[in-house]
Amino acid sequence: MTNLIETRRRRIVIAKLNSMQRKTGSYFDIVKLPNGKSTTVELTEEILTKALIKIFEAIVFDTNKRADAERHISDHYSSCMGNKLNKLSPLGMEFMNAVIANLAEQAFEHEGGNHAN
């Protein structure tokens, strides 16, 4: 099951990066912070992968038995992919945007909140 999770995780990460590239021509995203300000974040495959593991998967593993957690993660990642090859579903876009916002919020808090535009 771990290989299936890794494969599905990588697919949604690549789909998100491809979506950003098509939309903006870059891997930068503008994220609104809790204080109402916006900040720009540059995303890579490694950053998004680590964010999914830390922000989503770790919580699922902490709150479920391992087999249930693996099934939930795998099924969720599958639901994030759309009918078109290598494209995110609306759920996938919403999910990845939430992960990115959470990641930026954590980085902002860690940095002391001095990097908002």
C-alpha atoms as a PDB file:
ATOM      1  CA  MET A   1       0.000   0.000   0.000  1.00  0.00           C
ATOM      2  CA  THR A   2       2.921   2.344   0.696  1.00  0.00           C
ATOM      3  CA  ASN A   3       3.995   2.229  -2.957  1.00  0.00           C
ATOM      4  CA  LEU A   4       0.449   3.056  -4.056  1.00  0.00           C
ATOM      5  CA  ILE A   5       0.365   6.054  -1.709  1.00  0.00           C
ATOM      6  CA  GLU A   6       3.742   7.241  -2.986  1.00  0.00           C
ATOM      7  CA  THR A   7       2.607   6.882  -6.597  1.00  0.00           C
ATOM      8  CA  ARG A   8      -0.688   8.703  -6.028  1.00  0.00           C
ATOM      9  CA  ARG A   9       1.020  11.402  -3.941  1.00  0.00           C
ATOM     10  CA  ARG A  10       3.535  12.033  -6.695  1.00  0.00           C
ATOM     11  CA  ARG A  11       0.750  12.226  -9.300  1.00  0.00           C
ATOM     12  CA  ILE A  12      -1.127  14.962  -7.452  1.00  0.00           C
ATOM     13  CA  VAL A  13       2.081  16.891  -6.752  1.00  0.00           C
ATOM     14  CA  ILE A  14       3.054  16.788 -10.433  1.00  0.00           C
ATOM     15  CA  ALA A  15      -0.512  17.661 -11.476  1.00  0.00           C
ATOM     16  CA  LYS A  16      -0.486  20.705  -9.152  1.00  0.00           C
ATOM     17  CA  LEU A  17       2.893  21.888 -10.430  1.00  0.00           C
ATOM     18  CA  ASN A  18       1.767  21.396 -14.043  1.00  0.00           C
ATOM     19  CA  SER A  19      -1.416  23.336 -13.313  1.00  0.00           C
ATOM     20  CA  MET A  20       0.606  26.205 -11.862  1.00  0.00           C
ATOM     21  CA  GLN A  21       2.952  26.170 -14.846  1.00  0.00           C
ATOM     22  CA  ARG A  22       0.019  26.311 -17.288  1.00  0.00           C
ATOM     23  CA  LYS A  23      -1.741  29.039 -15.320  1.00  0.00           C
ATOM     24  CA  THR A  24       1.154  31.358 -14.444  1.00  0.00           C
ATOM     25  CA  GLY A  25       4.193  30.082 -16.302  1.00  0.00           C
ATOM     26  CA  SER A  26       5.964  29.499 -12.985  1.00  0.00           C
ATOM     27  CA  TYR A  27       5.888  27.536  -9.759  1.00  0.00           C
ATOM     28  CA  PHE A  28       5.038  30.578  -7.629  1.00  0.00           C
ATOM     29  CA  ASP A  29       1.719  30.870  -5.823  1.00  0.00           C
ATOM     30  CA  ILE A  30       0.172  33.768  -3.942  1.00  0.00           C
ATOM     31  CA  VAL A  31      -1.258  32.737  -0.592  1.00  0.00           C
ATOM     32  CA  LYS A  32      -3.449  34.766   1.755  1.00  0.00           C
ATOM     33  CA  LEU A  33      -2.240  34.600   5.348  1.00  0.00           C
ATOM     34  CA  PRO A  34      -4.429  34.617   8.478  1.00  0.00           C
ATOM     35  CA  ASN A  35      -3.539  38.256   9.137  1.00  0.00           C
ATOM     36  CA  GLY A  36      -5.133  39.199   5.792  1.00  0.00           C
ATOM     37  CA  LYS A  37      -1.849  39.881   4.003  1.00  0.00           C
ATOM     38  CA  SER A  38      -0.614  37.898   1.026  1.00  0.00           C
ATOM     39  CA  THR A  39       2.720  36.288   0.403  1.00  0.00           C
ATOM     40  CA  THR A  40       4.338  34.577  -2.556  1.00  0.00           C
ATOM     41  CA  VAL A  41       5.664  31.049  -2.201  1.00  0.00           C
ATOM     42  CA  GLU A  42       7.803  29.078  -4.629  1.00  0.00           C
ATOM     43  CA  LEU A  43       6.873  25.417  -4.775  1.00  0.00           C
ATOM     44  CA  THR A  44       8.825  22.370  -5.868  1.00  0.00           C
ATOM     45  CA  GLU A  45       8.029  18.679  -6.022  1.00  0.00           C
ATOM     46  CA  GLU A  46      10.055  18.120  -2.858  1.00  0.00           C
ATOM     47  CA  ILE A  47       8.318  20.900  -0.907  1.00  0.00           C
ATOM     48  CA  LEU A  48       4.828  19.726  -1.873  1.00  0.00           C
ATOM     49  CA  THR A  49       5.676  16.090  -1.145  1.00  0.00           C
ATOM     50  CA  LYS A  50       6.991  16.936   2.317  1.00  0.00           C
ATOM     51  CA  ALA A  51       3.954  19.143   2.967  1.00  0.00           C
ATOM     52  CA  LEU A  52       1.543  16.338   2.096  1.00  0.00           C
ATOM     53  CA  ILE A  53       3.397  13.916   4.356  1.00  0.00           C
ATOM     54  CA  LYS A  54       3.582  16.343   7.285  1.00  0.00           C
ATOM     55  CA  ILE A  55       0.306  18.245   6.975  1.00  0.00           C
ATOM     56  CA  PHE A  56      -2.031  15.497   5.760  1.00  0.00           C
ATOM     57  CA  GLU A  57      -0.617  11.998   6.029  1.00  0.00           C
ATOM     58  CA  ALA A  58       0.896  12.308   9.505  1.00  0.00           C
ATOM     59  CA  ILE A  59      -2.451  13.426  10.931  1.00  0.00           C
ATOM     60  CA  VAL A  60      -4.301  10.566   9.230  1.00  0.00           C
ATOM     61  CA  PHE A  61      -1.778   8.045  10.569  1.00  0.00           C
ATOM     62  CA  ASP A  62      -2.018   9.569  14.065  1.00  0.00           C
ATOM     63  CA  THR A  63      -5.801   9.262  14.188  1.00  0.00           C
ATOM     64  CA  ASN A  64      -6.388   5.890  12.470  1.00  0.00           C
ATOM     65  CA  LYS A  65      -5.109   2.349  12.525  1.00  0.00           C
ATOM     66  CA  ARG A  66      -2.350   1.910   9.953  1.00  0.00           C
ATOM     67  CA  ALA A  67      -4.384  -0.117   7.428  1.00  0.00           C
ATOM     68  CA  ASP A  68      -7.322   2.299   7.662  1.00  0.00           C
ATOM     69  CA  ALA A  69      -5.001   5.293   7.362  1.00  0.00           C
ATOM     70  CA  GLU A  70      -3.278   3.886   4.285  1.00  0.00           C
ATOM     71  CA  ARG A  71      -6.622   3.179   2.618  1.00  0.00           C
ATOM     72  CA  HIS A  72      -7.958   6.648   3.478  1.00  0.00           C
ATOM     73  CA  ILE A  73      -4.837   8.402   2.160  1.00  0.00           C
ATOM     74  CA  SER A  74      -4.727   6.337  -1.021  1.00  0.00           C
ATOM     75  CA  ASP A  75      -8.452   6.826  -1.698  1.00  0.00           C
ATOM     76  CA  HIS A  76      -8.233  10.558  -1.012  1.00  0.00           C
ATOM     77  CA  TYR A  77      -5.278  11.009  -3.350  1.00  0.00           C
ATOM     78  CA  SER A  78      -7.161   9.039  -6.015  1.00  0.00           C
ATOM     79  CA  SER A  79     -10.173  11.346  -5.585  1.00  0.00           C
ATOM     80  CA  CYS A  80      -7.911  14.348  -6.060  1.00  0.00           C
ATOM     81  CA  MET A  81      -7.174  13.342  -9.637  1.00  0.00           C
ATOM     82  CA  GLY A  82      -9.630  14.275 -12.356  1.00  0.00           C
ATOM     83  CA  ASN A  83     -10.947  12.264 -15.265  1.00  0.00           C
ATOM     84  CA  LYS A  84      -8.396  13.856 -17.576  1.00  0.00           C
ATOM     85  CA  LEU A  85      -4.957  12.320 -17.373  1.00  0.00           C
ATOM     86  CA  ASN A  86      -2.580  14.187 -15.055  1.00  0.00           C
ATOM     87  CA  LYS A  87      -5.099  16.857 -14.035  1.00  0.00           C
ATOM     88  CA  LEU A  88      -6.467  17.559 -10.581  1.00  0.00           C
ATOM     89  CA  SER A  89     -10.174  17.236  -9.853  1.00  0.00           C
ATOM     90  CA  PRO A  90     -11.945  20.225  -8.254  1.00  0.00           C
ATOM     91  CA  LEU A  91     -11.492  18.421  -4.914  1.00  0.00           C
ATOM     92  CA  GLY A  92      -7.799  18.009  -5.712  1.00  0.00           C
ATOM     93  CA  MET A  93      -7.380  21.706  -6.507  1.00  0.00           C
ATOM     94  CA  GLU A  94      -9.141  22.705  -3.297  1.00  0.00           C
ATOM     95  CA  PHE A  95      -7.134  20.198  -1.266  1.00  0.00           C
ATOM     96  CA  MET A  96      -3.761  21.211  -2.705  1.00  0.00           C
ATOM     97  CA  ASN A  97      -4.566  24.912  -2.306  1.00  0.00           C
ATOM     98  CA  ALA A  98      -5.418  24.256   1.363  1.00  0.00           C
ATOM     99  CA  VAL A  99      -2.154  22.338   1.859  1.00  0.00           C
ATOM    100  CA  ILE A 100      -0.181  25.188   0.269  1.00  0.00           C
ATOM    101  CA  ALA A 101      -1.988  27.782   2.414  1.00  0.00           C
ATOM    102  CA  ASN A 102      -1.280  25.719   5.526  1.00  0.00           C
ATOM    103  CA  LEU A 103       2.366  25.352   4.530  1.00  0.00           C
ATOM    104  CA  ALA A 104       2.733  29.106   3.976  1.00  0.00           C
ATOM    105  CA  GLU A 105       0.999  29.841   7.280  1.00  0.00           C
ATOM    106  CA  GLN A 106       3.377  27.522   9.136  1.00  0.00           C
ATOM    107  CA  ALA A 107       6.400  29.072   7.434  1.00  0.00           C
ATOM    108  CA  PHE A 108       5.095  32.573   8.205  1.00  0.00           C
ATOM    109  CA  GLU A 109       4.657  31.691  11.890  1.00  0.00           C
ATOM    110  CA  HIS A 110       8.071  30.019  12.007  1.00  0.00           C
ATOM    111  CA  GLU A 111       9.765  33.043  10.439  1.00  0.00           C
ATOM    112  CA  GLY A 112       8.147  35.448  12.871  1.00  0.00           C
ATOM    113  CA  GLY A 113       5.674  36.858  10.366  1.00  0.00           C
ATOM    114  CA  ASN A 114       8.072  39.257   8.663  1.00  0.00           C
ATOM    115  CA  HIS A 115       7.729  38.062   5.060  1.00  0.00           C
ATOM    116  CA  ALA A 116       4.194  39.082   4.069  1.00  0.00           C
ATOM    117  CA  ASN A 117       3.705  41.446   1.156  1.00  0.00           C
END
